[in-house]
Protein backbone atom coordinates (compact mmCIF):
# COMPACT_ATOMS: atom_id res chain seq x y z
CA MET A 1 84.85 19.71 13.38
CA LEU A 2 86.36 23.18 12.22
CA GLY A 3 84.28 25.92 11.32
CA ILE A 4 84.23 29.33 10.29
CA GLU A 5 81.39 32.37 11.51
CA LEU A 6 80.84 35.16 8.45
CA THR A 7 78.74 38.43 9.29
CA PRO A 8 76.48 39.69 7.34
CA GLU A 9 78.16 43.27 7.79
CA HIS A 10 79.85 42.69 4.02
CA ASP A 11 78.83 43.14 0.43
CA LEU A 12 77.14 39.58 -0.05
CA HIS A 13 79.18 39.17 -2.62
CA ARG A 14 82.37 39.46 -0.89
CA LEU A 15 80.78 37.00 1.93
CA VAL A 16 79.70 34.18 -0.84
CA ASP A 17 84.19 34.83 -2.15
CA LEU A 18 85.12 34.39 1.74
CA GLY A 19 82.74 31.16 1.61
CA VAL A 20 84.35 30.19 -1.50
CA ARG A 21 87.71 30.53 0.26
CA ALA A 22 86.71 28.93 3.49
CA GLU A 23 85.90 25.53 1.69
CA GLU A 24 89.09 26.01 -0.14
CA ALA A 25 90.99 26.12 2.87
CA GLY A 26 90.01 23.48 4.92
CA TYR A 27 86.39 24.23 7.08
CA ASP A 28 83.92 22.07 7.23
CA ALA A 29 81.04 24.47 8.31
CA VAL A 30 80.54 28.18 7.50
CA TYR A 31 77.98 29.57 9.69
CA SER A 32 75.90 33.34 9.36
CA THR A 33 75.09 35.26 12.26
CA CYS A 34 71.81 36.33 12.77
CA HIS A 35 71.26 39.89 13.68
CA TYR A 36 68.47 42.07 12.23
CA ASN A 37 70.94 45.27 11.97
CA ASN A 38 73.16 43.18 9.56
CA ARG A 39 72.33 41.67 5.76
CA ASP A 40 69.77 38.92 5.33
CA PRO A 41 71.38 35.04 6.70
CA TRP A 42 69.16 33.32 4.68
CA ALA A 43 69.74 35.54 1.46
CA PHE A 44 74.30 34.83 2.37
CA LEU A 45 73.38 31.14 2.81
CA SER A 46 71.30 30.59 0.01
CA ARG A 47 74.54 32.19 -2.34
CA LEU A 48 76.75 30.33 -0.74
CA ALA A 49 75.01 27.13 -1.10
CA ALA A 50 75.11 27.48 -4.65
CA GLU A 51 78.92 28.35 -4.95
CA THR A 52 80.22 25.38 -2.84
CA ASP A 53 80.41 21.92 -2.60
CA THR A 54 81.06 20.49 0.65
CA VAL A 55 80.86 22.72 3.62
CA ARG A 56 78.30 22.59 5.76
CA LEU A 57 75.96 25.79 6.10
CA GLY A 58 73.89 27.60 9.02
CA PRO A 59 72.77 30.30 11.22
CA GLY A 60 75.10 31.02 14.05
CA VAL A 61 72.87 31.45 15.74
CA ALA A 62 68.70 32.08 14.39
CA ASN A 63 66.41 32.27 17.86
CA PRO A 64 62.64 31.30 18.14
CA HIS A 65 62.25 35.28 18.54
CA GLU A 66 62.22 37.44 15.77
CA THR A 67 60.51 34.80 13.65
CA HIS A 68 58.19 32.38 13.84
CA PRO A 69 59.93 28.54 14.79
CA VAL A 70 57.62 26.86 12.30
CA THR A 71 58.63 29.55 9.54
CA LEU A 72 62.72 29.31 10.73
CA ALA A 73 62.11 25.07 10.09
CA SER A 74 60.92 25.75 6.63
CA LYS A 75 63.99 28.70 6.16
CA VAL A 76 66.13 25.51 7.50
CA ALA A 77 64.72 23.36 4.91
CA THR A 78 65.07 25.63 2.15
CA LEU A 79 68.38 25.58 2.89
CA ASP A 80 69.39 21.87 3.20
CA GLU A 81 67.62 21.83 0.00
CA ALA A 82 69.64 24.26 -1.73
CA SER A 83 72.50 22.82 -0.46
CA GLU A 84 71.66 19.26 -1.10
CA GLY A 85 72.31 18.09 2.50
CA ARG A 86 74.71 20.25 4.20
CA ALA A 87 72.40 22.20 5.87
CA VAL A 88 72.69 22.46 10.12
CA LEU A 89 70.45 24.72 12.45
CA GLY A 90 72.40 26.96 14.94
CA ILE A 91 69.56 28.19 17.17
CA GLY A 92 70.04 29.66 20.57
CA PRO A 93 68.09 32.66 22.89
CA GLY A 94 69.88 35.27 20.78
CA ASP A 95 71.91 38.35 20.94
CA PRO A 96 70.61 40.09 24.15
CA SER A 97 72.36 43.71 22.83
CA THR A 98 70.24 43.25 19.68
CA LEU A 99 66.72 41.78 20.93
CA ARG A 100 66.34 44.57 23.21
CA ASN A 101 65.91 47.08 20.30
CA LEU A 102 63.21 45.08 19.21
CA GLY A 103 61.14 44.69 22.52
CA LEU A 104 62.45 41.01 22.84
CA ALA A 105 65.05 40.82 25.66
CA ASP A 106 62.49 39.41 28.35
CA GLN A 107 61.38 36.33 26.02
CA ARG A 108 65.25 34.69 25.79
CA GLY A 109 65.35 31.50 27.42
CA LEU A 110 65.81 27.81 26.85
CA ARG A 111 62.54 26.57 27.04
CA SER A 112 61.82 28.81 23.53
CA VAL A 113 64.67 26.72 22.26
CA LEU A 114 64.08 23.47 22.97
CA GLU A 115 60.31 23.22 21.70
CA ALA A 116 61.99 25.35 18.11
CA PHE A 117 64.19 22.78 17.13
CA LYS A 118 62.08 19.75 18.55
CA THR A 119 59.04 20.99 16.47
CA ALA A 120 61.60 21.47 13.44
CA GLN A 121 62.94 17.96 13.54
CA ARG A 122 58.94 17.13 13.57
CA LEU A 123 58.18 19.32 10.68
CA TRP A 124 61.30 17.96 8.40
CA ALA A 125 60.31 13.97 9.78
CA GLY A 126 57.26 15.20 7.41
CA GLU A 127 54.60 15.24 10.64
CA ARG A 128 51.52 17.73 11.18
CA VAL A 129 52.82 19.97 13.86
CA ASP A 130 50.34 21.13 16.72
CA HIS A 131 51.69 22.82 19.61
CA ASP A 132 50.47 24.80 22.39
CA GLY A 133 53.59 26.48 24.28
CA THR A 134 56.28 29.50 24.06
CA PHE A 135 54.75 29.47 20.44
CA ASP A 136 51.34 28.10 19.14
CA ALA A 137 50.74 26.14 15.55
CA ASN A 138 48.19 24.38 14.39
CA GLY A 139 47.85 21.32 12.06
CA ALA A 140 51.31 23.16 10.37
CA GLY A 141 53.17 21.17 8.14
CA LEU A 142 56.09 21.30 5.28
CA ASN A 143 54.58 20.64 2.09
CA TYR A 144 58.66 19.37 0.98
CA GLU A 145 60.85 17.17 2.20
CA PRO A 146 64.42 18.11 3.10
CA PRO A 147 67.31 15.77 1.48
CA GLN A 148 68.52 15.18 4.90
CA GLY A 149 64.92 14.87 6.87
CA ALA A 150 65.23 14.61 10.55
CA ALA A 151 68.69 14.34 10.66
CA ILE A 152 69.53 18.43 9.89
CA PRO A 153 72.05 18.56 12.64
CA VAL A 154 71.11 21.14 15.76
CA HIS A 155 73.59 23.10 16.86
CA VAL A 156 72.44 25.15 20.15
CA GLY A 157 74.29 27.80 20.66
CA GLY A 158 74.62 28.86 23.97
CA GLU A 159 76.52 29.34 27.58
CA GLY A 160 74.28 29.21 30.77
CA PRO A 161 74.20 25.87 32.59
CA HIS A 162 71.38 24.58 31.84
CA MET A 163 71.28 25.61 28.12
CA CYS A 164 74.73 23.05 28.10
CA ARG A 165 73.17 20.39 29.84
CA MET A 166 70.00 20.77 27.47
CA ALA A 167 71.66 20.87 24.64
CA ALA A 168 73.55 17.58 25.45
CA LYS A 169 70.89 15.69 26.40
CA HIS A 170 68.69 16.75 23.00
CA ALA A 171 70.91 18.05 20.28
CA ASP A 172 73.95 17.26 18.15
CA GLY A 173 76.17 19.38 19.36
CA LEU A 174 77.16 22.76 21.50
CA LEU A 175 78.29 26.00 19.85
CA TYR A 176 79.64 27.55 23.39
CA ASN A 177 80.26 31.32 22.81
CA GLY A 178 83.89 31.03 24.41
CA SER A 179 87.42 31.53 23.26
CA HIS A 180 89.23 30.68 26.72
CA PRO A 181 90.63 27.72 28.33
CA ALA A 182 88.88 27.90 31.28
CA ASP A 183 85.30 28.64 30.02
CA LEU A 184 85.10 25.58 27.50
CA ALA A 185 86.85 23.13 30.74
CA TRP A 186 83.58 25.10 32.66
CA ALA A 187 81.65 23.98 29.56
CA ARG A 188 82.41 20.01 29.46
CA GLU A 189 81.67 19.62 32.73
CA GLN A 190 77.99 20.75 32.32
CA VAL A 191 78.13 18.27 28.90
CA ASP A 192 79.15 15.84 30.63
CA ASP A 193 76.57 15.99 33.02
CA GLY A 194 73.69 16.76 30.12
CA LEU A 195 75.52 13.73 28.76
CA GLY A 196 74.42 11.20 31.71
CA ASP A 197 70.51 11.84 30.75
CA ARG A 198 71.28 11.42 26.73
CA PRO A 199 69.52 8.25 25.02
CA ASP A 200 72.10 6.27 22.89
CA SER A 201 69.54 6.66 20.00
CA ARG A 202 70.36 10.18 19.74
CA GLY A 203 73.90 9.37 18.39
CA GLU A 204 77.25 11.60 19.06
CA PHE A 205 77.54 14.95 20.70
CA ASP A 206 80.16 17.44 20.32
CA LEU A 207 80.90 20.71 22.26
CA ILE A 208 82.01 22.65 19.60
CA ALA A 209 84.02 26.40 20.78
CA TYR A 210 82.06 29.29 18.94
CA ALA A 211 85.21 31.40 19.98
CA ALA A 212 86.25 35.32 18.54
CA VAL A 213 89.46 34.93 16.70
CA SER A 214 91.62 37.57 15.24
CA VAL A 215 95.00 36.88 13.68
CA SER A 216 96.96 38.78 11.71
CA ALA A 217 101.20 38.51 11.38
CA ASP A 218 100.94 41.90 12.92
CA GLY A 219 99.64 40.62 16.23
CA GLU A 220 98.37 44.52 18.15
CA ALA A 221 96.36 45.03 14.57
CA ALA A 222 95.02 41.59 15.19
CA ARG A 223 94.34 42.65 19.11
CA GLU A 224 93.06 45.98 17.91
CA ALA A 225 90.23 44.65 15.46
CA ALA A 226 89.10 42.35 17.97
CA ARG A 227 87.36 45.20 20.49
CA PRO A 228 83.80 45.13 18.18
CA PRO A 229 83.25 41.49 19.18
CA VAL A 230 84.78 41.34 22.31
CA ALA A 231 82.04 44.52 23.14
CA PHE A 232 78.90 42.67 22.00
CA ILE A 233 80.81 39.53 23.74
CA THR A 234 81.14 41.65 27.38
CA ALA A 235 78.13 42.50 26.86
CA GLY A 236 76.13 39.10 26.53
CA ALA A 237 78.55 37.71 28.83
CA ALA A 238 76.43 36.39 32.13
CA PRO A 239 78.10 37.50 35.85
CA PRO A 240 79.64 34.61 36.91
CA VAL A 241 81.73 34.74 33.28
CA LEU A 242 82.35 38.09 33.90
CA LYS A 243 83.29 37.40 37.40
CA ARG A 244 85.83 34.43 36.36
CA HIS A 245 87.82 36.34 34.24
CA GLY A 246 87.98 39.45 37.31
CA ILE A 247 85.75 41.77 34.65
CA ASP A 248 83.91 44.51 36.15
CA ALA A 249 79.96 43.83 35.35
CA ALA A 250 79.35 47.67 35.64
CA THR A 251 81.95 48.23 32.95
CA ALA A 252 80.28 45.27 30.92
CA GLU A 253 76.73 46.74 31.47
CA ALA A 254 77.73 50.27 30.11
CA ILE A 255 79.27 48.82 26.73
CA GLY A 256 76.04 46.80 26.57
CA ASP A 257 73.89 50.54 26.48
CA HIS A 258 76.29 51.66 24.27
CA VAL A 259 75.62 48.79 21.91
CA ALA A 260 72.16 48.68 22.37
CA ALA A 261 71.99 53.01 21.52
CA GLY A 262 73.97 52.22 18.61
CA GLU A 263 76.98 53.81 19.51
CA PHE A 264 79.42 51.66 18.72
CA SER A 265 82.83 53.75 18.91
CA ALA A 266 81.75 54.28 22.47
CA ALA A 267 81.22 50.72 23.49
CA PHE A 268 84.65 49.68 21.35
CA GLU A 269 86.47 52.21 23.31
CA ARG A 270 85.30 50.30 26.71
CA VAL A 271 87.07 47.16 25.82
CA THR A 272 90.14 46.28 27.82
CA PRO A 273 93.23 44.45 27.29
CA ASP A 274 92.01 41.49 29.76
CA MET A 275 88.23 41.51 28.20
CA ILE A 276 90.07 40.38 24.91
CA ASP A 277 92.13 37.86 26.47
CA ALA A 278 89.31 36.50 27.98
CA PHE A 279 87.00 36.72 25.19
CA CYS A 280 89.01 36.19 21.68
CA MET A 281 92.09 34.21 20.28
CA ALA A 282 93.75 37.37 19.24
CA GLY A 283 97.36 37.74 18.01
CA THR A 284 99.86 36.30 15.71
CA PRO A 285 99.08 32.68 14.54
CA GLU A 286 101.61 31.36 16.96
CA ALA A 287 99.60 33.23 19.59
CA VAL A 288 96.01 31.80 18.06
CA ARG A 289 97.64 28.21 17.87
CA ASP A 290 98.64 28.50 21.30
CA ARG A 291 95.07 29.17 22.77
CA ALA A 292 93.54 26.44 20.20
CA SER A 293 95.64 24.50 21.79
CA ASP A 294 94.73 24.56 25.42
CA VAL A 295 91.19 24.64 24.20
CA ALA A 296 91.04 21.62 22.17
CA ALA A 297 91.86 19.84 25.49
CA HIS A 298 88.26 20.61 26.59
CA ALA A 299 86.17 21.24 22.94
CA ASP A 300 85.63 19.02 20.24
CA GLY A 301 84.85 21.55 17.61
CA LEU A 302 85.70 25.26 16.99
CA VAL A 303 84.35 27.71 14.87
CA VAL A 304 86.60 30.56 13.88
CA GLY A 305 84.22 33.42 14.96
CA SER A 306 84.44 37.30 13.40
CA PRO A 307 86.13 39.36 13.02
CA ILE A 308 88.81 36.54 11.71
CA GLY A 309 91.48 39.43 11.75
CA PRO A 310 92.57 43.10 10.27
CA ASP A 311 92.36 41.37 7.12
CA LEU A 312 89.49 39.32 6.04
CA GLU A 313 90.74 37.57 3.32
CA ALA A 314 94.39 36.31 4.62
CA SER A 315 92.92 35.24 8.19
CA VAL A 316 90.60 32.79 6.56
CA ASP A 317 93.64 30.97 5.52
CA LEU A 318 96.14 32.14 8.51
CA ALA A 319 93.45 30.92 11.21
CA ALA A 320 92.81 27.89 9.63
CA ASP A 321 96.76 27.13 9.02
CA ALA A 322 96.75 28.05 12.66
CA VAL A 323 95.03 25.62 14.17
CA ASP A 324 95.55 22.94 11.44
CA GLY A 325 95.41 19.38 12.79
CA LEU A 326 94.09 20.35 16.53
CA PHE A 327 90.20 19.68 15.97
CA ALA A 328 89.36 16.60 13.68
CA THR A 329 88.07 17.28 10.46
CA GLU A 330 84.78 15.58 9.04
């Protein structure tokens, strides 16, 4: 599977054009990031559904804290209807830096993610749901049936060991936030462990590298464009991940403090070359292909994530060409 992430930090008209371009370039899926401080991802995905024919569409990733899980399930079902059966639910615990702004940082966890998508699957199957757990629901149900019904794919976004194993046991895929082969090799170990408890009835499972990618014929320009997403990734990285790449935890925490305060320039300035190497496939198409080839040894798919490159339109095509043939397409 080859997907692409588009971030609603841009005008919706441009985003839709980029999504159409991605379909033409051969991507299988388009994911939209979900942060309160960007434009609404559902508005973007709904508009893109009307302008495309084949790509799967979904959040990358929504969380069950900002939106009630029953409402979230209905949003995905509506997108499935609008796209005639092409929706995918990307769901995870949420970005800690932005959730901190909403007073929700302490609510992130595995249980809330699992309960949310299990409830969504019941709703999509036409059931009415009572739930008393990380959220409450009393006789909740949908008054319509999405085209895919309960078969809407669920991709869990996460990188902790328990989240990886849970996804392998219960979901259709794991969107692992990683761009480095060492991280994907570790993720594969966790997934294989979880797959041991997966019932055959749940079908196949994909480990998908949700990788920050910045590609350009000008390699230095590509690396410079990688600073913003690498800042966010570094700020949210778990201590074992930072240790794996030799990145100072205090520096990562300082970057997170800048992000939470809206001091983005200060955060981006603290990004080091080692952070870019650890958390982004950045450089010329040849450099990106070399890194993607190493990742493909451990992952079943790739999502080309933000920033994509200094020239978005050109980079959509460059990234697709750079990884052509490395990951099986749907």
